[in-house]
PDB file of N, CA and C in Angstrom:
ATOM      1  N   UNK A   1      88.296 116.638 121.749  1.00  0.00           N
ATOM      2  CA  UNK A   1      88.663 115.656 120.735  1.00  0.00           C
ATOM      3  C   UNK A   1      90.167 115.404 120.803  1.00  0.00           C
ATOM      4  N   UNK A   2      90.549 114.173 120.576  1.00  0.00           N
ATOM      5  CA  UNK A   2      91.967 113.826 120.559  1.00  0.00           C
ATOM      6  C   UNK A   2      92.663 114.550 119.415  1.00  0.00           C
ATOM      7  N   UNK A   3      93.946 114.819 119.605  1.00  0.00           N
ATOM      8  CA  UNK A   3      94.719 115.331 118.491  1.00  0.00           C
ATOM      9  C   UNK A   3      94.738 114.283 117.390  1.00  0.00           C
ATOM     10  N   UNK A   4      94.721 114.719 116.166  1.00  0.00           N
ATOM     11  CA  UNK A   4      94.653 113.785 115.043  1.00  0.00           C
ATOM     12  C   UNK A   4      95.801 112.783 115.053  1.00  0.00           C
ATOM     13  N   UNK A   5      96.985 113.229 115.456  1.00  0.00           N
ATOM     14  CA  UNK A   5      98.152 112.350 115.466  1.00  0.00           C
ATOM     15  C   UNK A   5      97.993 111.205 116.459  1.00  0.00           C
ATOM     16  N   UNK A   6      97.174 111.415 117.489  1.00  0.00           N
ATOM     17  CA  UNK A   6      96.981 110.404 118.525  1.00  0.00           C
ATOM     18  C   UNK A   6      95.817 109.465 118.235  1.00  0.00           C
ATOM     19  N   UNK A   7      95.058 109.730 117.190  1.00  0.00           N
ATOM     20  CA  UNK A   7      93.905 108.898 116.848  1.00  0.00           C
ATOM     21  C   UNK A   7      94.348 107.630 116.132  1.00  0.00           C
ATOM     22  N   UNK A   8      93.560 106.593 116.299  1.00  0.00           N
ATOM     23  CA  UNK A   8      93.793 105.372 115.528  1.00  0.00           C
ATOM     24  C   UNK A   8      93.289 105.609 114.108  1.00  0.00           C
ATOM     25  N   UNK A   9      93.662 104.722 113.199  1.00  0.00           N
ATOM     26  CA  UNK A   9      93.189 104.840 111.822  1.00  0.00           C
ATOM     27  C   UNK A   9      91.660 104.788 111.772  1.00  0.00           C
ATOM     28  N   UNK A  10      91.060 103.911 112.557  1.00  0.00           N
ATOM     29  CA  UNK A  10      89.597 103.813 112.572  1.00  0.00           C
ATOM     30  C   UNK A  10      88.950 105.099 113.075  1.00  0.00           C
ATOM     31  N   UNK A  11      89.544 105.707 114.093  1.00  0.00           N
ATOM     32  CA  UNK A  11      89.009 106.974 114.603  1.00  0.00           C
ATOM     33  C   UNK A  11      89.107 108.076 113.551  1.00  0.00           C
ATOM     34  N   UNK A  12      90.200 108.087 112.809  1.00  0.00           N
ATOM     35  CA  UNK A  12      90.346 109.086 111.746  1.00  0.00           C
ATOM     36  C   UNK A  12      89.273 108.904 110.680  1.00  0.00           C
ATOM     37  N   UNK A  13      89.039 107.663 110.284  1.00  0.00           N
ATOM     38  CA  UNK A  13      88.025 107.389 109.271  1.00  0.00           C
ATOM     39  C   UNK A  13      86.647 107.811 109.770  1.00  0.00           C
ATOM     40  N   UNK A  14      86.338 107.487 111.025  1.00  0.00           N
ATOM     41  CA  UNK A  14      85.052 107.881 111.597  1.00  0.00           C
ATOM     42  C   UNK A  14      84.915 109.401 111.638  1.00  0.00           C
ATOM     43  N   UNK A  15      85.996 110.101 111.961  1.00  0.00           N
ATOM     44  CA  UNK A  15      85.972 111.559 112.017  1.00  0.00           C
ATOM     45  C   UNK A  15      85.659 112.154 110.653  1.00  0.00           C
ATOM     46  N   UNK A  16      86.215 111.577 109.595  1.00  0.00           N
ATOM     47  CA  UNK A  16      85.964 112.122 108.254  1.00  0.00           C
ATOM     48  C   UNK A  16      84.515 111.937 107.829  1.00  0.00           C
ATOM     49  N   UNK A  17      83.812 110.998 108.433  1.00  0.00           N
ATOM     50  CA  UNK A  17      82.453 110.680 108.009  1.00  0.00           C
ATOM     51  C   UNK A  17      81.365 111.308 108.870  1.00  0.00           C
ATOM     52  N   UNK A  18      81.737 111.971 109.958  1.00  0.00           N
ATOM     53  CA  UNK A  18      80.740 112.548 110.864  1.00  0.00           C
ATOM     54  C   UNK A  18      80.376 113.960 110.409  1.00  0.00           C
ATOM     55  N   UNK A  19      79.170 114.103 109.907  1.00  0.00           N
ATOM     56  CA  UNK A  19      78.735 115.392 109.366  1.00  0.00           C
ATOM     57  C   UNK A  19      78.607 116.472 110.438  1.00  0.00           C
ATOM     58  N   UNK A  20      78.515 116.071 111.717  1.00  0.00           N
ATOM     59  CA  UNK A  20      78.395 117.079 112.771  1.00  0.00           C
ATOM     60  C   UNK A  20      79.727 117.788 113.055  1.00  0.00           C
ATOM     61  N   UNK A  21      80.832 117.223 112.567  1.00  0.00           N
ATOM     62  CA  UNK A  21      82.125 117.875 112.738  1.00  0.00           C
ATOM     63  C   UNK A  21      82.329 118.942 111.668  1.00  0.00           C
ATOM     64  N   UNK A  22      83.094 119.948 112.017  1.00  0.00           N
ATOM     65  CA  UNK A  22      83.434 121.019 111.097  1.00  0.00           C
ATOM     66  C   UNK A  22      84.158 120.457 109.870  1.00  0.00           C
ATOM     67  N   UNK A  23      83.896 121.056 108.724  1.00  0.00           N
ATOM     68  CA  UNK A  23      84.498 120.610 107.468  1.00  0.00           C
ATOM     69  C   UNK A  23      86.025 120.574 107.554  1.00  0.00           C
ATOM     70  N   UNK A  24      86.630 121.591 108.142  1.00  0.00           N
ATOM     71  CA  UNK A  24      88.092 121.664 108.225  1.00  0.00           C
ATOM     72  C   UNK A  24      88.674 120.519 109.052  1.00  0.00           C
ATOM     73  N   UNK A  25      88.001 120.150 110.127  1.00  0.00           N
ATOM     74  CA  UNK A  25      88.464 119.027 110.949  1.00  0.00           C
ATOM     75  C   UNK A  25      88.404 117.736 110.141  1.00  0.00           C
ATOM     76  N   UNK A  26      87.336 117.573 109.387  1.00  0.00           N
ATOM     77  CA  UNK A  26      87.184 116.373 108.567  1.00  0.00           C
ATOM     78  C   UNK A  26      88.272 116.289 107.497  1.00  0.00           C
ATOM     79  N   UNK A  27      88.611 117.419 106.897  1.00  0.00           N
ATOM     80  CA  UNK A  27      89.674 117.450 105.882  1.00  0.00           C
ATOM     81  C   UNK A  27      91.012 117.113 106.517  1.00  0.00           C
ATOM     82  N   UNK A  28      91.317 117.683 107.675  1.00  0.00           N
ATOM     83  CA  UNK A  28      92.586 117.400 108.344  1.00  0.00           C
ATOM     84  C   UNK A  28      92.686 115.933 108.748  1.00  0.00           C
ATOM     85  N   UNK A  29      91.585 115.343 109.181  1.00  0.00           N
ATOM     86  CA  UNK A  29      91.581 113.917 109.523  1.00  0.00           C
ATOM     87  C   UNK A  29      91.860 113.081 108.271  1.00  0.00           C
ATOM     88  N   UNK A  30      91.287 113.485 107.160  1.00  0.00           N
ATOM     89  CA  UNK A  30      91.548 112.780 105.892  1.00  0.00           C
ATOM     90  C   UNK A  30      93.012 112.863 105.509  1.00  0.00           C
ATOM     91  N   UNK A  31      93.583 114.045 105.632  1.00  0.00           N
ATOM     92  CA  UNK A  31      95.003 114.229 105.303  1.00  0.00           C
ATOM     93  C   UNK A  31      95.895 113.369 106.189  1.00  0.00           C
ATOM     94  N   UNK A  32      95.592 113.336 107.482  1.00  0.00           N
ATOM     95  CA  UNK A  32      96.390 112.536 108.417  1.00  0.00           C
ATOM     96  C   UNK A  32      96.324 111.062 108.040  1.00  0.00           C
ATOM     97  N   UNK A  33      95.146 110.583 107.695  1.00  0.00           N
ATOM     98  CA  UNK A  33      94.993 109.180 107.300  1.00  0.00           C
ATOM     99  C   UNK A  33      95.789 108.896 106.023  1.00  0.00           C
ATOM    100  N   UNK A  34      95.699 109.778 105.052  1.00  0.00           N
ATOM    101  CA  UNK A  34      96.426 109.580 103.795  1.00  0.00           C
ATOM    102  C   UNK A  34      97.938 109.623 104.000  1.00  0.00           C
ATOM    103  N   UNK A  35      98.411 110.444 104.931  1.00  0.00           N
ATOM    104  CA  UNK A  35      99.840 110.461 105.261  1.00  0.00           C
ATOM    105  C   UNK A  35     100.278 109.122 105.819  1.00  0.00           C
ATOM    106  N   UNK A  36      99.470 108.578 106.714  1.00  0.00           N
ATOM    107  CA  UNK A  36      99.806 107.284 107.321  1.00  0.00           C
ATOM    108  C   UNK A  36      99.831 106.161 106.290  1.00  0.00           C
ATOM    109  N   UNK A  37      98.984 106.262 105.299  1.00  0.00           N
ATOM    110  CA  UNK A  37      98.918 105.231 104.264  1.00  0.00           C
ATOM    111  C   UNK A  37      99.991 105.428 103.192  1.00  0.00           C
ATOM    112  N   UNK A  38     100.709 106.554 103.255  1.00  0.00           N
ATOM    113  CA  UNK A  38     101.774 106.821 102.304  1.00  0.00           C
ATOM    114  C   UNK A  38     101.290 107.384 100.980  1.00  0.00           C
ATOM    115  N   UNK A  39     100.045 107.819 100.948  1.00  0.00           N
ATOM    116  CA  UNK A  39      99.478 108.360  99.712  1.00  0.00           C
ATOM    117  C   UNK A  39      99.995 109.768  99.463  1.00  0.00           C
ATOM    118  N   UNK A  40     100.117 110.550 100.534  1.00  0.00           N
ATOM    119  CA  UNK A  40     100.675 111.896 100.430  1.00  0.00           C
ATOM    120  C   UNK A  40     101.862 112.000 101.381  1.00  0.00           C
ATOM    121  N   UNK A  41     102.775 112.906 101.067  1.00  0.00           N
ATOM    122  CA  UNK A  41     103.967 113.087 101.899  1.00  0.00           C
ATOM    123  C   UNK A  41     103.601 113.783 103.198  1.00  0.00           C
ATOM    124  N   UNK A  42     104.272 113.390 104.268  1.00  0.00           N
ATOM    125  CA  UNK A  42     104.062 114.075 105.545  1.00  0.00           C
ATOM    126  C   UNK A  42     104.797 115.410 105.491  1.00  0.00           C
ATOM    127  N   UNK A  43     104.467 116.304 106.407  1.00  0.00           N
ATOM    128  CA  UNK A  43     105.091 117.622 106.429  1.00  0.00           C
ATOM    129  C   UNK A  43     106.602 117.520 106.603  1.00  0.00           C
ATOM    130  N   UNK A  44     107.063 116.586 107.420  1.00  0.00           N
ATOM    131  CA  UNK A  44     108.499 116.439 107.645  1.00  0.00           C
ATOM    132  C   UNK A  44     109.204 115.910 106.391  1.00  0.00           C
ATOM    133  N   UNK A  45     108.528 115.070 105.601  1.00  0.00           N
ATOM    134  CA  UNK A  45     109.120 114.565 104.363  1.00  0.00           C
ATOM    135  C   UNK A  45     109.232 115.685 103.326  1.00  0.00           C
ATOM    136  N   UNK A  46     108.262 116.572 103.289  1.00  0.00           N
ATOM    137  CA  UNK A  46     108.223 117.612 102.287  1.00  0.00           C
ATOM    138  C   UNK A  46     109.279 118.696 102.540  1.00  0.00           C
ATOM    139  N   UNK A  47     109.687 118.877 103.803  1.00  0.00           N
ATOM    140  CA  UNK A  47     110.613 119.952 104.125  1.00  0.00           C
ATOM    141  C   UNK A  47     112.079 119.588 103.895  1.00  0.00           C
ATOM    142  N   UNK A  48     112.367 118.337 103.708  1.00  0.00           N
ATOM    143  CA  UNK A  48     113.773 118.089 103.535  1.00  0.00           C
ATOM    144  C   UNK A  48     114.100 116.737 103.157  1.00  0.00           C
TER     145      UNK A  48
END
């Protein structure tokens, strides 16, 4: 699987909806999408 950072927004959304993927992967894909949309702060924003 591609690294989450390299996925398109559509790929991230599809990843969150695929029940065959591990729950943790789906959560991380959701977080990455929300970071891109500006809903939650990225890790680099939170550190400084």
